[in-house]
């Protein structure tokens, strides 16, 4: 099917299913993302796997913040303050090994 031949999205059916069959509140229905909506409908589509490029893009857009940056997360600040100003946080590998 070419782009011109694609059927329009069946909004009426989807709205009836979400509001009627699932009994979702309108605010809840309209707040759903398309993947969430597809999961509720039972669509057999699965999102693609994240690639290394996807990860690098996310890392560039949302870098980790360390040190005295005012945007540093409260939990990281609390962990750092608990051990003093020169404390280093354990790596994920260290934490996993100590959890066992």
C-alpha atoms as a PDB file:
ATOM      1  CA  UNK A   1       0.000   0.000   0.000  1.00  0.00           C
ATOM      2  CA  UNK A   2       1.475   3.363  -0.989  1.00  0.00           C
ATOM      3  CA  UNK A   3       1.311   6.441   1.160  1.00  0.00           C
ATOM      4  CA  UNK A   4      -1.653   7.778  -0.837  1.00  0.00           C
ATOM      5  CA  UNK A   5      -3.536   4.501  -0.379  1.00  0.00           C
ATOM      6  CA  UNK A   6      -3.120   4.301   3.410  1.00  0.00           C
ATOM      7  CA  UNK A   7      -6.347   4.103   5.346  1.00  0.00           C
ATOM      8  CA  UNK A   8      -6.985   6.920   7.810  1.00  0.00           C
ATOM      9  CA  UNK A   9      -6.454   6.188  11.493  1.00  0.00           C
ATOM     10  CA  UNK A  10      -9.651   4.665  12.941  1.00  0.00           C
ATOM     11  CA  UNK A  11     -10.145   7.268  15.674  1.00  0.00           C
ATOM     12  CA  UNK A  12     -13.845   6.534  16.195  1.00  0.00           C
ATOM     13  CA  UNK A  13     -13.164   2.853  16.901  1.00  0.00           C
ATOM     14  CA  UNK A  14     -10.185   3.607  19.136  1.00  0.00           C
ATOM     15  CA  UNK A  15     -12.132   6.201  21.146  1.00  0.00           C
ATOM     16  CA  UNK A  16     -15.080   3.802  21.546  1.00  0.00           C
ATOM     17  CA  UNK A  17     -12.696   1.078  22.726  1.00  0.00           C
ATOM     18  CA  UNK A  18     -10.810   3.325  25.157  1.00  0.00           C
ATOM     19  CA  UNK A  19     -13.739   5.185  26.649  1.00  0.00           C
ATOM     20  CA  UNK A  20     -16.382   2.469  26.331  1.00  0.00           C
ATOM     21  CA  UNK A  21     -14.770  -0.928  26.589  1.00  0.00           C
ATOM     22  CA  UNK A  22     -11.806  -0.008  28.798  1.00  0.00           C
ATOM     23  CA  UNK A  23     -13.852   2.624  30.686  1.00  0.00           C
ATOM     24  CA  UNK A  24     -10.948   5.072  30.740  1.00  0.00           C
ATOM     25  CA  UNK A  25     -11.590   8.641  31.831  1.00  0.00           C
ATOM     26  CA  UNK A  26     -11.195  11.047  28.893  1.00  0.00           C
ATOM     27  CA  UNK A  27      -8.158  12.669  30.561  1.00  0.00           C
ATOM     28  CA  UNK A  28      -6.514   9.271  30.919  1.00  0.00           C
ATOM     29  CA  UNK A  29      -7.343   8.242  27.349  1.00  0.00           C
ATOM     30  CA  UNK A  30      -5.933  11.412  25.801  1.00  0.00           C
ATOM     31  CA  UNK A  31      -2.801  11.239  27.998  1.00  0.00           C
ATOM     32  CA  UNK A  32      -1.865   7.797  26.606  1.00  0.00           C
ATOM     33  CA  UNK A  33       1.097   7.553  24.272  1.00  0.00           C
ATOM     34  CA  UNK A  34       0.657   5.598  21.048  1.00  0.00           C
ATOM     35  CA  UNK A  35       2.702   2.628  22.368  1.00  0.00           C
ATOM     36  CA  UNK A  36       0.544   2.565  25.520  1.00  0.00           C
ATOM     37  CA  UNK A  37      -2.605   2.720  23.425  1.00  0.00           C
ATOM     38  CA  UNK A  38      -1.341  -0.078  21.179  1.00  0.00           C
ATOM     39  CA  UNK A  39      -0.587  -2.228  24.243  1.00  0.00           C
ATOM     40  CA  UNK A  40      -4.091  -1.685  25.631  1.00  0.00           C
ATOM     41  CA  UNK A  41      -5.651  -2.553  22.296  1.00  0.00           C
ATOM     42  CA  UNK A  42      -3.506  -5.662  22.090  1.00  0.00           C
ATOM     43  CA  UNK A  43      -1.596  -4.735  18.965  1.00  0.00           C
ATOM     44  CA  UNK A  44       1.168  -7.176  18.153  1.00  0.00           C
ATOM     45  CA  UNK A  45       3.685  -4.496  17.297  1.00  0.00           C
ATOM     46  CA  UNK A  46       6.848  -4.189  19.306  1.00  0.00           C
ATOM     47  CA  UNK A  47       9.093  -1.126  19.409  1.00  0.00           C
ATOM     48  CA  UNK A  48      12.485  -1.520  17.831  1.00  0.00           C
ATOM     49  CA  UNK A  49      15.537  -2.086  19.960  1.00  0.00           C
ATOM     50  CA  UNK A  50      17.617   0.902  20.951  1.00  0.00           C
ATOM     51  CA  UNK A  51      20.848   1.181  19.021  1.00  0.00           C
ATOM     52  CA  UNK A  52      24.227   2.476  20.127  1.00  0.00           C
ATOM     53  CA  UNK A  53      23.450   5.689  18.210  1.00  0.00           C
ATOM     54  CA  UNK A  54      20.177   6.048  20.165  1.00  0.00           C
ATOM     55  CA  UNK A  55      22.079   5.689  23.440  1.00  0.00           C
ATOM     56  CA  UNK A  56      24.739   8.189  22.376  1.00  0.00           C
ATOM     57  CA  UNK A  57      22.020  10.651  21.342  1.00  0.00           C
ATOM     58  CA  UNK A  58      20.327  10.336  24.743  1.00  0.00           C
ATOM     59  CA  UNK A  59      23.671  10.694  26.538  1.00  0.00           C
ATOM     60  CA  UNK A  60      24.402  13.871  24.578  1.00  0.00           C
ATOM     61  CA  UNK A  61      20.942  15.320  25.275  1.00  0.00           C
ATOM     62  CA  UNK A  62      20.856  14.337  28.951  1.00  0.00           C
ATOM     63  CA  UNK A  63      24.444  14.260  30.282  1.00  0.00           C
ATOM     64  CA  UNK A  64      25.259  13.090  33.794  1.00  0.00           C
ATOM     65  CA  UNK A  65      25.998  15.946  36.114  1.00  0.00           C
ATOM     66  CA  UNK A  66      28.632  15.586  38.815  1.00  0.00           C
ATOM     67  CA  UNK A  67      30.193  17.876  41.361  1.00  0.00           C
ATOM     68  CA  UNK A  68      28.615  21.051  42.644  1.00  0.00           C
ATOM     69  CA  UNK A  69      26.322  21.634  39.684  1.00  0.00           C
ATOM     70  CA  UNK A  70      23.042  23.107  41.022  1.00  0.00           C
ATOM     71  CA  UNK A  71      21.155  20.773  38.684  1.00  0.00           C
ATOM     72  CA  UNK A  72      22.683  17.691  40.348  1.00  0.00           C
ATOM     73  CA  UNK A  73      20.024  15.270  41.531  1.00  0.00           C
ATOM     74  CA  UNK A  74      18.985  15.415  45.175  1.00  0.00           C
ATOM     75  CA  UNK A  75      19.768  11.724  45.689  1.00  0.00           C
ATOM     76  CA  UNK A  76      23.300  12.131  44.305  1.00  0.00           C
ATOM     77  CA  UNK A  77      23.830  15.212  46.470  1.00  0.00           C
ATOM     78  CA  UNK A  78      22.569  13.347  49.545  1.00  0.00           C
ATOM     79  CA  UNK A  79      24.866  10.388  48.830  1.00  0.00           C
ATOM     80  CA  UNK A  80      27.829  12.678  48.331  1.00  0.00           C
ATOM     81  CA  UNK A  81      27.048  14.731  51.459  1.00  0.00           C
ATOM     82  CA  UNK A  82      26.677  11.601  53.573  1.00  0.00           C
ATOM     83  CA  UNK A  83      30.298  10.672  52.938  1.00  0.00           C
ATOM     84  CA  UNK A  84      31.670  14.185  53.141  1.00  0.00           C
ATOM     85  CA  UNK A  85      32.627  16.693  50.468  1.00  0.00           C
ATOM     86  CA  UNK A  86      35.369  14.478  48.977  1.00  0.00           C
ATOM     87  CA  UNK A  87      33.331  11.258  48.917  1.00  0.00           C
ATOM     88  CA  UNK A  88      33.233   9.242  45.758  1.00  0.00           C
ATOM     89  CA  UNK A  89      30.177   7.267  44.823  1.00  0.00           C
ATOM     90  CA  UNK A  90      30.558   3.517  44.247  1.00  0.00           C
ATOM     91  CA  UNK A  91      30.311   2.308  40.705  1.00  0.00           C
ATOM     92  CA  UNK A  92      27.363   0.194  39.604  1.00  0.00           C
ATOM     93  CA  UNK A  93      29.653  -2.864  39.526  1.00  0.00           C
ATOM     94  CA  UNK A  94      30.717  -2.254  43.149  1.00  0.00           C
ATOM     95  CA  UNK A  95      27.123  -1.773  44.270  1.00  0.00           C
ATOM     96  CA  UNK A  96      25.991  -5.007  42.572  1.00  0.00           C
ATOM     97  CA  UNK A  97      28.804  -7.014  44.134  1.00  0.00           C
ATOM     98  CA  UNK A  98      28.043  -5.640  47.605  1.00  0.00           C
ATOM     99  CA  UNK A  99      24.316  -6.341  47.226  1.00  0.00           C
ATOM    100  CA  UNK A 100      24.922 -10.095  46.918  1.00  0.00           C
END
